Amino acid sequence: MYEYHEILGSEKPIYRTKPPGLKTISEIPSGEFLIDYEIVGYLEYEENGKKLYEPLYAIVRDES
């Protein structure tokens, strides 16, 4: 999880609810390789009164 200053300038969108099709790291099956995914945004949530940001991943499709 990241704090806001750690993702500032990343140009990736911040979501308050997780969009369909995107996964958090805990939702990626252990048999799949993280190298097949890329961070496409961040999910904002609050923990102990502090806003935190969890990376959201999507599968990278090689179109070549």
C-alpha atoms as a PDB file:
ATOM      1  CA  MET A   1       0.000   0.000   0.000  1.00  0.00           C
ATOM      2  CA  TYR A   2       1.125   3.489  -0.751  1.00  0.00           C
ATOM      3  CA  GLU A   3       0.524   6.929   0.665  1.00  0.00           C
ATOM      4  CA  TYR A   4      -0.595   9.714  -1.654  1.00  0.00           C
ATOM      5  CA  HIS A   5       2.848  11.323  -1.935  1.00  0.00           C
ATOM      6  CA  GLU A   6       4.221   7.983  -3.195  1.00  0.00           C
ATOM      7  CA  ILE A   7       1.853   7.811  -6.178  1.00  0.00           C
ATOM      8  CA  LEU A   8       1.714  11.539  -6.944  1.00  0.00           C
ATOM      9  CA  GLY A   9       2.792  12.096 -10.539  1.00  0.00           C
ATOM     10  CA  SER A  10       2.171   8.518 -11.653  1.00  0.00           C
ATOM     11  CA  GLU A  11      -0.596   9.726 -14.028  1.00  0.00           C
ATOM     12  CA  LYS A  12      -2.552   6.558 -13.270  1.00  0.00           C
ATOM     13  CA  PRO A  13      -6.185   6.999 -12.205  1.00  0.00           C
ATOM     14  CA  ILE A  14      -7.319   6.719  -8.601  1.00  0.00           C
ATOM     15  CA  TYR A  15     -10.569   4.840  -7.990  1.00  0.00           C
ATOM     16  CA  ARG A  16     -12.774   4.810  -4.908  1.00  0.00           C
ATOM     17  CA  THR A  17     -14.464   1.586  -6.011  1.00  0.00           C
ATOM     18  CA  LYS A  18     -12.648  -1.178  -7.854  1.00  0.00           C
ATOM     19  CA  PRO A  19     -13.577  -1.282 -11.551  1.00  0.00           C
ATOM     20  CA  PRO A  20     -14.560  -4.659 -13.026  1.00  0.00           C
ATOM     21  CA  GLY A  21     -11.690  -6.540 -14.608  1.00  0.00           C
ATOM     22  CA  LEU A  22      -8.945  -5.020 -12.465  1.00  0.00           C
ATOM     23  CA  LYS A  23      -7.285  -6.999  -9.692  1.00  0.00           C
ATOM     24  CA  THR A  24      -5.443  -6.273  -6.486  1.00  0.00           C
ATOM     25  CA  ILE A  25      -2.261  -8.224  -5.770  1.00  0.00           C
ATOM     26  CA  SER A  26      -4.172 -10.554  -3.445  1.00  0.00           C
ATOM     27  CA  GLU A  27      -6.650 -11.400  -6.225  1.00  0.00           C
ATOM     28  CA  ILE A  28      -4.011 -12.556  -8.704  1.00  0.00           C
ATOM     29  CA  PRO A  29      -3.876 -16.374  -8.553  1.00  0.00           C
ATOM     30  CA  SER A  30      -0.577 -17.747  -7.261  1.00  0.00           C
ATOM     31  CA  GLY A  31      -0.087 -19.736 -10.471  1.00  0.00           C
ATOM     32  CA  GLU A  32      -0.062 -16.580 -12.584  1.00  0.00           C
ATOM     33  CA  PHE A  33       3.086 -14.560 -12.978  1.00  0.00           C
ATOM     34  CA  LEU A  34       3.042 -10.932 -11.893  1.00  0.00           C
ATOM     35  CA  ILE A  35       5.148 -10.153 -14.974  1.00  0.00           C
ATOM     36  CA  ASP A  36       1.971 -10.723 -17.039  1.00  0.00           C
ATOM     37  CA  TYR A  37       0.289  -7.798 -15.244  1.00  0.00           C
ATOM     38  CA  GLU A  38       0.864  -4.073 -15.090  1.00  0.00           C
ATOM     39  CA  ILE A  39      -0.324  -1.435 -12.657  1.00  0.00           C
ATOM     40  CA  VAL A  40      -3.108   0.531 -14.334  1.00  0.00           C
ATOM     41  CA  GLY A  41      -4.458   2.515 -11.399  1.00  0.00           C
ATOM     42  CA  TYR A  42      -4.857   2.732  -7.643  1.00  0.00           C
ATOM     43  CA  LEU A  43      -7.712   1.919  -5.296  1.00  0.00           C
ATOM     44  CA  GLU A  44      -8.162   4.510  -2.556  1.00  0.00           C
ATOM     45  CA  TYR A  45      -9.277   3.292   0.855  1.00  0.00           C
ATOM     46  CA  GLU A  46      -9.062   4.468   4.420  1.00  0.00           C
ATOM     47  CA  GLU A  47      -7.299   2.631   7.229  1.00  0.00           C
ATOM     48  CA  ASN A  48      -7.082   4.021  10.757  1.00  0.00           C
ATOM     49  CA  GLY A  49      -8.186   7.440   9.487  1.00  0.00           C
ATOM     50  CA  LYS A  50      -5.452   7.553   6.846  1.00  0.00           C
ATOM     51  CA  LYS A  51      -5.975   7.356   3.087  1.00  0.00           C
ATOM     52  CA  LEU A  52      -3.953   4.613   1.428  1.00  0.00           C
ATOM     53  CA  TYR A  53      -3.678   3.491  -2.181  1.00  0.00           C
ATOM     54  CA  GLU A  54      -3.512  -0.102  -3.385  1.00  0.00           C
ATOM     55  CA  PRO A  55      -2.231  -0.838  -6.898  1.00  0.00           C
ATOM     56  CA  LEU A  56      -4.751  -2.233  -9.374  1.00  0.00           C
ATOM     57  CA  TYR A  57      -3.474  -4.615 -12.032  1.00  0.00           C
ATOM     58  CA  ALA A  58      -4.590  -5.640 -15.504  1.00  0.00           C
ATOM     59  CA  ILE A  59      -3.217  -8.391 -17.728  1.00  0.00           C
ATOM     60  CA  VAL A  60      -0.727  -7.150 -20.303  1.00  0.00           C
ATOM     61  CA  ARG A  61      -1.719  -8.272 -23.785  1.00  0.00           C
ATOM     62  CA  ASP A  62       1.145  -8.592 -26.247  1.00  0.00           C
ATOM     63  CA  GLU A  63      -0.383  -7.576 -29.578  1.00  0.00           C
ATOM     64  CA  SER A  64       2.750  -8.263 -31.655  1.00  0.00           C
END
